[in-house]
Amino acid sequence: MSVQTGRITTDIPARLDRLPWARWHWLIVIGLGTVWILDGLEVTIVGSMSDALKSPTDGLGMSSFQIGFAGASYVAGACLGALFFGQLTDRLGRKKLFMVSLSVYTVATVLTAFSMNPMWYFGARFITGAGIGGEYAAINSAIDELIPAKYRGRVDIAINGSFWVGAAAGALLTIPLLDPTVINQAWGWRIAFGLGAILAVGILLVRRNLPESPRWLFIHGREDEAEEIVQDVERIVSEESGKKLEGVDRKITVRQRKSIGMVLIAKTVFTMYPKRTVLCFSLFVGQAFLYNAFFFTYGDTLTTFMGVGQTGYYIAIFAASNFLGALLLSRLFDSVGRVKMIAGTYIASGLLLAFTGFILGSLDAKTLTLMGAIIFFMASAGASAAYLTASEVFPMETRALCIAFFYAIGTAVGGISGPLFFGYLIDKGSADKDITVIAIGYFVGAALMVGGGIVAAFLGVKAEGRPLEDIATPLTAEDADAEAGTDTGAGPTPQPATT
C-alpha cells in the first residue's frame, strides 16, 4: 500500500547528471565508499588469523569447520541485514540508514573483540555482517543517485573494489599482531577488531556532512529540501571546478509517494524486469561463491597444506591485485561498455580458476598466490559490477531493496555454502596434506563465474553514460504519465521493459 502526496515536474536528475567532477564528489566517495575498506578488513582478519583463533589458550579453540562457520555467520548476517536495512533505506531515506548501519557495524565489531567463546564470536560476527549488509544497500543507492551518469560506472566499481584496500591493510596488520615477540597472542586478534571500530567512528564523523539523495527526497514529497540541496551542490561544484553550469531542458514528472508497498516492488522486479532479475541473480551467485569460498578460507589453505606461518604477505599481494583490477578496469565499463566488460571478466576469471584447479597439486604458496592474483585482477572488476548492475537497472523507488535482495539471495546461495564447503574440503584433505581435494571447490566456482558471464552476454543492459531514469523509468513517473493518458514530454516514456 502506498501513501501519495502530489504530482511534480522536476529537472533535478538532469542537473545532477550534468555536473562536472569536483572536490565535492570526492567527499561523497570518501564518506560513503570507505566502508568497503572496513568490510575487507573484517574478512581478512578472520582469514589471516585462523591459526590464532584455533589456539585453545590464546584464541577460542576453533576448528577449520568453525572458522568456515564464522565466515558463513558473517555472510548470513549480511544477507538478513541487507534485506532489513534495504527496505528501510527505500522507505526512510539513504542518509538515515547509512548512519544507522555503520553504527551497528561499529558496536558489533567491538563485541567481536571481546569474544569469550566460539558462540559469542559467531553471534558478534552475525551482527557485524548485518551492519555491513545494510551498508551495501544504502551506500550503493546513494552513490548512484549522487554521482553524474558519465562517471557512475567507474566510480561505483572502484568504490566497491576498495574492499581490497581494507583486505591488504588487514593482512599486513595481522603480521605484527600475530608475532609473539611483538604482542601477547591472546590480545593480538582482539586488537585487530578494535582498530576496525576506530576506523568506523572516523567514517561516521565524515558522513554527518553528506546530504540526503535529492532523487529520494523529491519522490517522497520533500521537493523543497531536494531543491535546496541541489542548489547548494551546484554552487559548490561551480566554485570548485571554475566552470559555469549550463541549464538543462530535460525534466521528469512523478507522482510523489511517502511509501511504496512491497507488493508493487515485487511485481516490478519479477514481472516488468524478469530478464534483469535473472541477470542480477546469476552475477551475484557467481561472485559470492567465488569470493567467500576462496577468500574466507585462503589463510587456512596456506597454513594447512603449505606450512605457511605468516599468511599476511600472501593475502596482501592477492588483495592488491584485486584492488588494482577494479581500479584500472573500471573506466572500461563506461567506455567499452557494461555488457562486454562484465561478460569478459566473469568468463575469463572462471576459465583461469578452472585451470588452476587442474594444476593445484603442482603449486606452492607463491605460485598459488600468483595465480590467484591474475584470476582476481579480472574477477574483482566483474564482481563490483554486479553491485553496479543491481543498483542501476531497476526503478529508483526499488533501488536499495533490489540491491539488498540480489545480494542476499545470491550470497545466501553462494556465500554461505562456499565457506562451509571449502571448510569441509580443507578438513577432509588436511590429514593427508592433499590440497587437490579442494580443487572441486575451484571447479564449482569456475562454473558459476562462466555461467554468470554467459548470462551477462545475452541479458546484460547497456547502461553506460545513461541517466538512471532512462535505464529504468521510475514507478512514480509511470503513474503520472498513465494518469495523463499520454506522454507528457517531461520525462522518459514509460516502457513495460523486460530486458
Protein backbone atom coordinates (compact mmCIF):
# COMPACT_ATOMS: atom_id res chain seq x y z
CA MET A 1 0.00 0.00 0.00
CA SER A 2 1.31 3.49 -0.81
CA VAL A 3 0.64 6.97 0.52
CA GLN A 4 0.53 9.61 -2.22
CA THR A 5 1.21 13.32 -1.75
CA GLY A 6 1.16 15.07 -5.12
CA ARG A 7 2.46 15.31 -8.65
CA ILE A 8 5.51 17.38 -9.64
CA THR A 9 7.71 18.01 -12.65
CA THR A 10 11.40 18.36 -11.83
CA ASP A 11 14.77 18.72 -13.55
CA ILE A 12 16.82 17.59 -10.51
CA PRO A 13 18.11 14.29 -12.05
CA ALA A 14 19.34 16.11 -15.18
CA ARG A 15 21.03 18.82 -13.10
CA LEU A 16 22.89 16.26 -11.00
CA ASP A 17 23.98 14.27 -14.07
CA ARG A 18 25.41 17.30 -15.91
CA LEU A 19 27.73 18.34 -13.06
CA PRO A 20 31.49 18.31 -13.77
CA TRP A 21 33.67 16.31 -11.42
CA ALA A 22 34.75 18.36 -8.38
CA ARG A 23 36.09 18.01 -4.85
CA TRP A 24 32.52 17.67 -3.62
CA HIS A 25 32.25 14.34 -5.42
CA TRP A 26 35.42 13.16 -3.70
CA LEU A 27 33.73 13.88 -0.37
CA ILE A 28 30.95 11.52 -1.44
CA VAL A 29 33.49 8.88 -2.44
CA ILE A 30 35.39 9.14 0.85
CA GLY A 31 32.37 9.39 3.12
CA LEU A 32 30.43 6.57 1.51
CA GLY A 33 32.98 4.42 -0.27
CA THR A 34 35.46 3.85 2.52
CA VAL A 35 33.10 1.47 4.29
CA TRP A 36 34.21 -1.30 1.92
CA ILE A 37 37.66 -0.90 3.45
CA LEU A 38 36.08 -1.96 6.74
CA ASP A 39 34.45 -4.97 5.09
CA GLY A 40 37.77 -6.01 3.59
CA LEU A 41 39.50 -5.51 6.92
CA GLU A 42 36.94 -7.70 8.69
CA VAL A 43 37.08 -10.56 6.21
CA THR A 44 40.87 -10.56 6.02
CA ILE A 45 41.41 -10.52 9.76
CA VAL A 46 39.27 -13.66 10.05
CA GLY A 47 41.06 -15.35 7.15
CA SER A 48 44.56 -14.39 8.30
CA MET A 49 44.01 -15.20 11.96
CA SER A 50 42.65 -18.71 11.55
CA ASP A 51 45.57 -20.23 13.50
CA ALA A 52 45.25 -17.66 16.29
CA LEU A 53 41.52 -18.35 16.60
CA LYS A 54 42.18 -22.12 16.68
CA SER A 55 44.53 -21.84 19.65
CA PRO A 56 42.81 -23.14 22.82
CA THR A 57 44.96 -20.87 25.01
CA ASP A 58 45.33 -17.58 23.13
CA GLY A 59 42.33 -17.92 20.80
CA LEU A 60 38.92 -19.56 21.02
CA GLY A 61 39.85 -23.19 20.27
CA MET A 62 38.04 -23.24 16.92
CA SER A 63 38.34 -25.93 14.22
CA SER A 64 38.68 -25.34 10.48
CA PHE A 65 34.97 -26.03 10.12
CA GLN A 66 34.19 -23.46 12.80
CA ILE A 67 36.38 -20.92 11.02
CA GLY A 68 34.27 -21.55 7.92
CA PHE A 69 31.10 -21.39 10.03
CA ALA A 70 32.16 -18.00 11.38
CA GLY A 71 32.54 -16.79 7.81
CA ALA A 72 29.13 -18.19 6.96
CA SER A 73 27.64 -16.47 10.04
CA TYR A 74 29.04 -13.15 8.89
CA VAL A 75 27.58 -13.64 5.42
CA ALA A 76 24.22 -14.79 6.80
CA GLY A 77 24.06 -11.65 8.91
CA ALA A 78 24.93 -9.57 5.87
CA CYS A 79 22.12 -11.17 3.87
CA LEU A 80 19.46 -10.55 6.51
CA GLY A 81 20.86 -7.11 7.32
CA ALA A 82 20.75 -6.15 3.66
CA LEU A 83 17.08 -7.12 3.39
CA PHE A 84 16.09 -5.45 6.66
CA PHE A 85 18.02 -2.21 6.14
CA GLY A 86 17.40 -2.24 2.38
CA GLN A 87 13.65 -1.85 2.65
CA LEU A 88 14.15 0.83 5.32
CA THR A 89 16.55 2.66 3.01
CA ASP A 90 13.85 2.96 0.34
CA ARG A 91 11.24 3.97 2.93
CA LEU A 92 13.18 6.25 5.30
CA GLY A 93 15.99 7.61 3.15
CA ARG A 94 19.58 6.88 2.23
CA LYS A 95 21.27 9.08 4.85
CA LYS A 96 19.42 7.78 7.90
CA LEU A 97 20.25 4.21 7.03
CA PHE A 98 23.90 4.66 6.08
CA MET A 99 24.37 6.23 9.52
CA VAL A 100 22.44 3.50 11.36
CA SER A 101 24.01 0.55 9.54
CA LEU A 102 27.56 1.79 10.17
CA SER A 103 26.72 2.30 13.86
CA VAL A 104 25.52 -1.32 14.06
CA TYR A 105 28.77 -2.47 12.48
CA THR A 106 30.85 -0.45 14.94
CA VAL A 107 29.14 -1.84 18.04
CA ALA A 108 29.29 -5.41 16.74
CA THR A 109 32.99 -5.16 15.92
CA VAL A 110 33.72 -4.09 19.48
CA LEU A 111 31.70 -7.09 20.71
CA THR A 112 33.79 -9.34 18.45
CA ALA A 113 36.99 -8.07 20.06
CA PHE A 114 35.63 -9.13 23.47
CA SER A 115 34.57 -12.65 22.39
CA MET A 116 34.88 -15.16 25.23
CA ASN A 117 33.91 -18.33 23.36
CA PRO A 118 33.01 -19.52 19.83
CA MET A 119 29.26 -18.94 20.30
CA TRP A 120 29.83 -15.31 21.32
CA TYR A 121 32.16 -14.93 18.34
CA PHE A 122 29.60 -16.40 15.91
CA GLY A 123 26.89 -14.07 17.25
CA ALA A 124 29.11 -10.99 17.04
CA ARG A 125 30.13 -11.91 13.50
CA PHE A 126 26.46 -12.26 12.54
CA ILE A 127 25.61 -8.77 13.84
CA THR A 128 28.72 -7.30 12.21
CA GLY A 129 27.62 -8.79 8.91
CA ALA A 130 24.13 -7.32 9.38
CA GLY A 131 25.63 -3.84 9.62
CA ILE A 132 27.76 -4.37 6.51
CA GLY A 133 24.79 -5.82 4.60
CA GLY A 134 22.81 -2.68 5.35
CA GLU A 135 25.71 -0.64 4.06
CA TYR A 136 25.63 -2.38 0.68
CA ALA A 137 22.05 -1.28 0.06
CA ALA A 138 22.24 2.25 1.44
CA ILE A 139 25.66 3.16 0.06
CA ASN A 140 25.28 1.88 -3.49
CA SER A 141 21.90 3.61 -3.74
CA ALA A 142 23.27 6.94 -2.54
CA ILE A 143 26.38 6.79 -4.72
CA ASP A 144 24.48 6.06 -7.91
CA GLU A 145 21.98 8.84 -7.20
CA LEU A 146 24.63 11.47 -6.42
CA ILE A 147 27.37 10.70 -8.97
CA PRO A 148 26.91 12.06 -12.56
CA ALA A 149 25.92 9.46 -15.17
CA LYS A 150 29.18 9.92 -17.07
CA TYR A 151 31.24 8.73 -14.11
CA ARG A 152 28.80 6.36 -12.42
CA GLY A 153 30.26 3.08 -13.66
CA ARG A 154 33.91 3.73 -12.89
CA VAL A 155 33.17 5.33 -9.51
CA ASP A 156 30.84 2.56 -8.36
CA ILE A 157 33.22 -0.22 -9.42
CA ALA A 158 36.30 1.47 -7.95
CA ILE A 159 34.48 2.11 -4.66
CA ASN A 160 33.29 -1.48 -4.37
CA GLY A 161 36.82 -2.54 -5.25
CA SER A 162 38.19 -0.54 -2.31
CA PHE A 163 37.19 -3.59 -0.25
CA TRP A 164 40.63 -4.83 -1.18
CA VAL A 165 42.40 -1.82 0.30
CA GLY A 166 40.99 -2.97 3.62
CA ALA A 167 41.90 -6.55 2.81
CA ALA A 168 45.52 -5.62 2.14
CA ALA A 169 45.65 -3.44 5.25
CA GLY A 170 44.12 -6.20 7.34
CA ALA A 171 46.60 -8.76 6.01
CA LEU A 172 49.60 -6.55 6.77
CA LEU A 173 48.14 -5.59 10.14
CA THR A 174 47.98 -9.20 11.22
CA ILE A 175 51.72 -9.69 10.69
CA PRO A 176 52.86 -7.79 13.79
CA LEU A 177 49.71 -8.72 15.71
CA LEU A 178 50.45 -12.44 15.19
CA ASP A 179 54.13 -12.10 16.11
CA PRO A 180 54.58 -13.32 19.71
CA THR A 181 57.77 -11.23 20.01
CA VAL A 182 55.73 -8.07 19.34
CA ILE A 183 52.49 -8.64 21.24
CA ASN A 184 50.85 -11.18 23.53
CA GLN A 185 48.95 -13.52 21.18
CA ALA A 186 45.93 -13.56 23.46
CA TRP A 187 45.44 -9.87 22.62
CA GLY A 188 46.64 -9.60 19.01
CA TRP A 189 43.47 -10.71 17.21
CA ARG A 190 41.29 -8.73 19.63
CA ILE A 191 43.20 -5.51 18.94
CA ALA A 192 42.76 -6.04 15.20
CA PHE A 193 38.96 -5.98 15.54
CA GLY A 194 39.17 -2.96 17.83
CA LEU A 195 41.11 -1.00 15.21
CA GLY A 196 38.29 -1.64 12.73
CA ALA A 197 35.85 0.00 15.13
CA ILE A 198 38.09 3.07 15.46
CA LEU A 199 38.17 3.48 11.67
CA ALA A 200 34.37 3.17 11.55
CA VAL A 201 33.95 6.03 14.03
CA GLY A 202 36.09 8.23 11.77
CA ILE A 203 33.87 7.44 8.79
CA LEU A 204 30.76 8.25 10.82
CA LEU A 205 32.13 11.73 11.52
CA VAL A 206 32.66 12.36 7.78
CA ARG A 207 29.19 11.10 6.88
CA ARG A 208 27.44 13.61 9.09
CA ASN A 209 28.16 16.27 6.44
CA LEU A 210 26.81 14.30 3.48
CA PRO A 211 23.38 15.16 2.02
CA GLU A 212 20.32 13.00 1.54
CA SER A 213 19.73 11.85 -2.04
CA PRO A 214 17.72 14.61 -3.80
CA ARG A 215 16.20 11.93 -6.03
CA TRP A 216 14.81 10.14 -2.98
CA LEU A 217 13.58 13.41 -1.46
CA PHE A 218 11.52 14.69 -4.39
CA ILE A 219 9.80 11.36 -4.92
CA HIS A 220 8.87 11.20 -1.24
CA GLY A 221 7.16 14.61 -1.17
CA ARG A 222 10.14 16.64 0.02
CA GLU A 223 10.93 18.53 -3.18
CA ASP A 224 11.81 21.77 -1.35
CA GLU A 225 14.60 20.02 0.55
CA ALA A 226 15.78 18.37 -2.67
CA GLU A 227 15.89 21.72 -4.48
CA GLU A 228 17.81 23.35 -1.63
CA ILE A 229 20.41 20.54 -1.64
CA VAL A 230 20.87 20.64 -5.42
CA GLN A 231 21.26 24.42 -5.48
CA ASP A 232 23.89 24.18 -2.76
CA VAL A 233 25.71 21.39 -4.61
CA GLU A 234 25.63 23.36 -7.88
CA ARG A 235 27.15 26.38 -6.15
CA ILE A 236 29.90 24.31 -4.54
CA VAL A 237 30.74 22.37 -7.70
CA SER A 238 30.78 25.53 -9.82
CA GLU A 239 33.20 27.21 -7.41
CA GLU A 240 35.44 24.17 -7.08
CA SER A 241 35.58 23.40 -10.82
CA GLY A 242 35.68 27.02 -12.00
CA LYS A 243 33.06 26.17 -14.62
CA LYS A 244 29.76 27.88 -15.30
CA LEU A 245 26.94 25.37 -15.20
CA GLU A 246 24.66 25.28 -18.22
CA GLY A 247 20.91 24.98 -17.84
CA VAL A 248 19.06 21.75 -18.60
CA ASP A 249 15.91 21.15 -20.63
CA ARG A 250 15.23 17.59 -19.51
CA LYS A 251 12.51 17.10 -16.90
CA ILE A 252 10.59 14.24 -15.41
CA THR A 253 7.06 14.16 -14.00
CA VAL A 254 6.44 11.96 -10.97
CA ARG A 255 3.59 11.08 -8.64
CA GLN A 256 5.08 11.56 -5.18
CA ARG A 257 4.67 8.84 -2.58
CA LYS A 258 5.73 8.70 1.04
CA SER A 259 5.88 4.90 0.89
CA ILE A 260 5.69 2.17 -1.71
CA GLY A 261 4.29 -1.26 -0.95
CA MET A 262 6.28 -4.48 -1.11
CA VAL A 263 3.71 -5.99 -3.49
CA LEU A 264 4.38 -3.28 -6.07
CA ILE A 265 8.13 -3.66 -5.64
CA ALA A 266 7.94 -7.45 -6.11
CA LYS A 267 5.71 -7.03 -9.16
CA THR A 268 8.19 -4.58 -10.64
CA VAL A 269 11.18 -6.86 -10.20
CA PHE A 270 9.63 -10.15 -11.28
CA THR A 271 7.05 -9.17 -13.92
CA MET A 272 8.36 -5.98 -15.52
CA TYR A 273 12.05 -6.91 -15.49
CA PRO A 274 12.35 -10.72 -15.41
CA LYS A 275 15.48 -10.82 -17.59
CA ARG A 276 17.22 -8.28 -15.42
CA THR A 277 16.25 -10.37 -12.41
CA VAL A 278 17.92 -13.46 -13.91
CA LEU A 279 20.96 -11.35 -14.82
CA CYS A 280 21.48 -9.98 -11.30
CA PHE A 281 20.88 -13.34 -9.65
CA SER A 282 23.47 -15.02 -11.89
CA LEU A 283 26.09 -12.34 -11.29
CA PHE A 284 25.65 -12.35 -7.52
CA VAL A 285 25.68 -16.12 -7.09
CA GLY A 286 28.87 -16.47 -9.13
CA GLN A 287 30.88 -13.78 -7.42
CA ALA A 288 29.56 -14.62 -3.93
CA PHE A 289 30.61 -18.26 -4.12
CA LEU A 290 33.96 -17.45 -5.67
CA TYR A 291 35.00 -14.78 -3.21
CA ASN A 292 33.51 -16.10 0.00
CA ALA A 293 34.70 -19.64 -0.64
CA PHE A 294 38.20 -18.75 -1.77
CA PHE A 295 38.99 -15.73 0.35
CA PHE A 296 37.38 -16.67 3.67
CA THR A 297 39.46 -19.87 3.72
CA TYR A 298 42.63 -18.83 1.85
CA GLY A 299 44.67 -18.28 5.01
CA ASP A 300 43.56 -21.68 6.29
CA THR A 301 44.55 -23.26 2.96
CA LEU A 302 48.06 -21.81 3.15
CA THR A 303 48.65 -22.89 6.73
CA THR A 304 47.06 -26.34 6.44
CA PHE A 305 48.56 -27.53 3.16
CA MET A 306 51.64 -25.40 2.60
CA GLY A 307 53.00 -24.83 6.07
CA VAL A 308 52.85 -21.04 5.85
CA GLY A 309 53.21 -19.41 9.25
CA GLN A 310 52.54 -15.79 8.35
CA THR A 311 49.82 -15.59 5.71
CA GLY A 312 49.60 -11.79 5.79
CA TYR A 313 52.08 -11.12 2.99
CA TYR A 314 50.40 -13.59 0.64
CA ILE A 315 46.92 -12.22 1.28
CA ALA A 316 48.18 -8.64 0.90
CA ILE A 317 49.52 -9.43 -2.59
CA PHE A 318 46.28 -11.14 -3.51
CA ALA A 319 44.26 -8.17 -2.20
CA ALA A 320 46.42 -5.60 -4.01
CA SER A 321 45.76 -7.38 -7.30
CA ASN A 322 42.02 -7.29 -6.67
CA PHE A 323 42.01 -3.57 -5.95
CA LEU A 324 44.17 -2.77 -8.98
CA GLY A 325 41.83 -4.79 -11.17
CA ALA A 326 38.77 -2.85 -10.02
CA LEU A 327 40.59 0.48 -10.22
CA LEU A 328 42.31 0.05 -13.59
CA LEU A 329 39.48 -1.72 -15.39
CA SER A 330 36.66 0.45 -14.02
CA ARG A 331 36.93 3.10 -16.76
CA LEU A 332 36.34 0.45 -19.41
CA PHE A 333 32.87 -0.23 -18.02
CA ASP A 334 31.95 3.33 -19.07
CA SER A 335 33.86 3.35 -22.38
CA VAL A 336 33.86 -0.23 -23.74
CA GLY A 337 30.50 -0.88 -22.10
CA ARG A 338 28.86 -2.81 -19.30
CA VAL A 339 27.87 -5.91 -21.25
CA LYS A 340 31.24 -6.63 -22.86
CA MET A 341 33.23 -5.97 -19.71
CA ILE A 342 31.02 -7.90 -17.31
CA ALA A 343 30.81 -10.92 -19.60
CA GLY A 344 34.54 -10.79 -20.34
CA THR A 345 35.74 -10.50 -16.74
CA TYR A 346 33.42 -13.25 -15.49
CA ILE A 347 34.23 -15.75 -18.23
CA ALA A 348 38.00 -15.12 -18.26
CA SER A 349 38.36 -15.38 -14.49
CA GLY A 350 36.21 -18.52 -14.40
CA LEU A 351 38.29 -20.30 -17.03
CA LEU A 352 41.54 -19.37 -15.28
CA LEU A 353 40.17 -20.63 -11.97
CA ALA A 354 39.29 -23.98 -13.57
CA PHE A 355 42.83 -24.20 -14.99
CA THR A 356 44.24 -23.53 -11.53
CA GLY A 357 42.15 -26.36 -10.13
CA PHE A 358 43.70 -28.79 -12.62
CA ILE A 359 47.29 -27.82 -11.70
CA LEU A 360 46.64 -27.28 -7.98
CA GLY A 361 48.79 -30.21 -6.89
CA SER A 362 51.89 -28.71 -8.51
CA LEU A 363 51.57 -25.25 -6.96
CA ASP A 364 53.25 -23.90 -3.85
CA ALA A 365 52.23 -20.91 -1.73
CA LYS A 366 53.88 -18.38 -4.06
CA THR A 367 52.59 -19.78 -7.35
CA LEU A 368 49.08 -20.30 -5.95
CA THR A 369 49.05 -16.68 -4.81
CA LEU A 370 50.29 -15.58 -8.23
CA MET A 371 47.52 -17.49 -9.99
CA GLY A 372 45.00 -16.04 -7.55
CA ALA A 373 46.29 -12.53 -8.25
CA ILE A 374 45.85 -12.99 -12.01
CA ILE A 375 42.38 -14.52 -11.69
CA PHE A 376 41.03 -11.97 -9.29
CA PHE A 377 42.51 -8.98 -11.09
CA MET A 378 39.69 -9.57 -13.58
CA ALA A 379 37.16 -11.10 -11.22
CA SER A 380 37.19 -8.14 -8.83
CA ALA A 381 36.05 -5.69 -11.52
CA GLY A 382 33.29 -8.07 -12.59
CA ALA A 383 32.16 -8.71 -9.02
CA SER A 384 32.00 -4.98 -8.31
CA ALA A 385 29.96 -4.57 -11.49
CA ALA A 386 27.34 -6.95 -10.06
CA TYR A 387 26.51 -4.33 -7.43
CA LEU A 388 26.55 -1.60 -10.05
CA THR A 389 24.13 -3.57 -12.22
CA ALA A 390 21.61 -4.21 -9.44
CA SER A 391 21.72 -0.57 -8.40
CA GLU A 392 21.06 0.96 -11.83
CA VAL A 393 18.77 -1.37 -13.80
CA PHE A 394 15.67 -1.14 -11.57
CA PRO A 395 13.40 1.85 -10.78
CA MET A 396 14.63 4.33 -8.19
CA GLU A 397 11.90 3.54 -5.68
CA THR A 398 13.08 -0.07 -5.50
CA ARG A 399 16.84 0.51 -5.83
CA ALA A 400 18.05 -0.16 -2.31
CA LEU A 401 15.78 -3.15 -1.80
CA CYS A 402 16.78 -4.62 -5.17
CA ILE A 403 20.46 -4.35 -4.24
CA ALA A 404 19.66 -5.96 -0.89
CA PHE A 405 17.51 -8.68 -2.44
CA PHE A 406 20.03 -9.83 -5.01
CA TYR A 407 22.92 -9.51 -2.60
CA ALA A 408 21.02 -11.56 -0.01
CA ILE A 409 19.72 -14.25 -2.36
CA GLY A 410 22.93 -14.56 -4.35
CA THR A 411 25.10 -14.52 -1.28
CA ALA A 412 22.87 -16.96 0.58
CA VAL A 413 23.28 -19.43 -2.28
CA GLY A 414 26.98 -18.86 -2.92
CA GLY A 415 28.35 -17.01 0.08
CA ILE A 416 27.09 -19.21 2.89
CA SER A 417 27.57 -22.54 1.14
CA GLY A 418 31.03 -21.58 -0.15
CA PRO A 419 32.91 -21.17 3.16
CA LEU A 420 31.18 -24.22 4.65
CA PHE A 421 32.01 -26.30 1.57
CA PHE A 422 35.65 -25.17 1.47
CA GLY A 423 35.99 -25.61 5.24
CA TYR A 424 34.76 -29.18 4.83
CA LEU A 425 37.18 -29.83 1.95
CA ILE A 426 40.12 -28.41 3.92
CA ASP A 427 39.31 -30.61 6.92
CA LYS A 428 38.94 -33.62 4.63
CA GLY A 429 42.30 -33.10 2.95
CA SER A 430 44.26 -31.94 6.00
CA ALA A 431 45.00 -35.45 7.30
CA ASP A 432 46.98 -36.36 4.18
CA LYS A 433 48.05 -32.77 3.37
CA ASP A 434 46.38 -33.31 -0.01
CA ILE A 435 45.48 -29.88 -1.41
CA THR A 436 43.96 -31.38 -4.56
CA VAL A 437 40.88 -32.21 -2.50
CA ILE A 438 39.81 -28.56 -2.66
CA ALA A 439 40.10 -28.44 -6.47
CA ILE A 440 36.44 -29.44 -6.70
CA GLY A 441 35.60 -26.14 -4.99
CA TYR A 442 37.59 -24.32 -7.67
CA PHE A 443 35.66 -26.10 -10.41
CA VAL A 444 32.29 -25.19 -8.87
CA GLY A 445 33.35 -21.55 -8.57
CA ALA A 446 34.61 -21.55 -12.15
CA ALA A 447 31.34 -22.96 -13.48
CA LEU A 448 29.31 -20.31 -11.65
CA MET A 449 31.51 -17.48 -12.91
CA VAL A 450 31.46 -18.65 -16.54
CA GLY A 451 27.70 -19.15 -16.29
CA GLY A 452 27.28 -15.61 -14.97
CA GLY A 453 29.37 -14.25 -17.82
CA ILE A 454 27.29 -16.06 -20.43
CA VAL A 455 24.07 -14.72 -18.89
CA ALA A 456 25.55 -11.19 -18.95
CA ALA A 457 26.45 -11.56 -22.62
CA PHE A 458 22.84 -12.29 -23.55
CA LEU A 459 20.84 -10.37 -20.94
CA GLY A 460 23.18 -7.52 -19.99
CA VAL A 461 21.94 -3.91 -20.03
CA LYS A 462 23.84 -1.18 -21.89
CA ALA A 463 23.68 1.36 -19.07
CA GLU A 464 26.93 3.24 -19.67
CA GLY A 465 26.53 7.03 -19.66
CA ARG A 466 22.72 6.87 -19.44
CA PRO A 467 20.64 8.64 -16.78
CA LEU A 468 19.17 6.30 -14.20
CA GLU A 469 15.68 7.41 -15.19
CA ASP A 470 16.31 6.25 -18.78
CA ILE A 471 17.64 2.85 -17.76
CA ALA A 472 14.56 2.14 -15.63
CA THR A 473 11.62 4.54 -15.58
CA PRO A 474 10.60 5.44 -12.01
CA LEU A 475 7.39 3.76 -10.89
CA THR A 476 6.03 7.13 -9.87
CA ALA A 477 6.69 8.53 -13.35
CA GLU A 478 4.68 5.68 -14.83
CA ASP A 479 1.79 6.57 -12.52
CA ALA A 480 1.85 10.22 -13.51
CA ASP A 481 2.02 9.56 -17.24
CA ALA A 482 -0.62 6.86 -17.09
CA GLU A 483 -2.98 9.27 -15.37
CA ALA A 484 -2.40 11.87 -18.08
CA GLY A 485 -3.11 9.26 -20.73
CA THR A 486 -0.28 10.44 -22.95
CA ASP A 487 3.45 11.04 -22.86
CA THR A 488 3.80 14.46 -21.24
CA GLY A 489 7.16 15.15 -22.85
CA ALA A 490 8.51 15.94 -19.38
CA GLY A 491 10.31 12.66 -18.91
CA PRO A 492 11.03 9.24 -20.35
CA THR A 493 8.03 7.42 -21.79
CA PRO A 494 7.07 4.51 -19.53
CA GLN A 495 8.06 1.19 -21.07
CA PRO A 496 6.92 -2.24 -19.93
CA ALA A 497 10.55 -3.25 -20.22
CA THR A 498 11.53 -6.88 -19.94
CA THR A 499 15.21 -6.58 -20.78
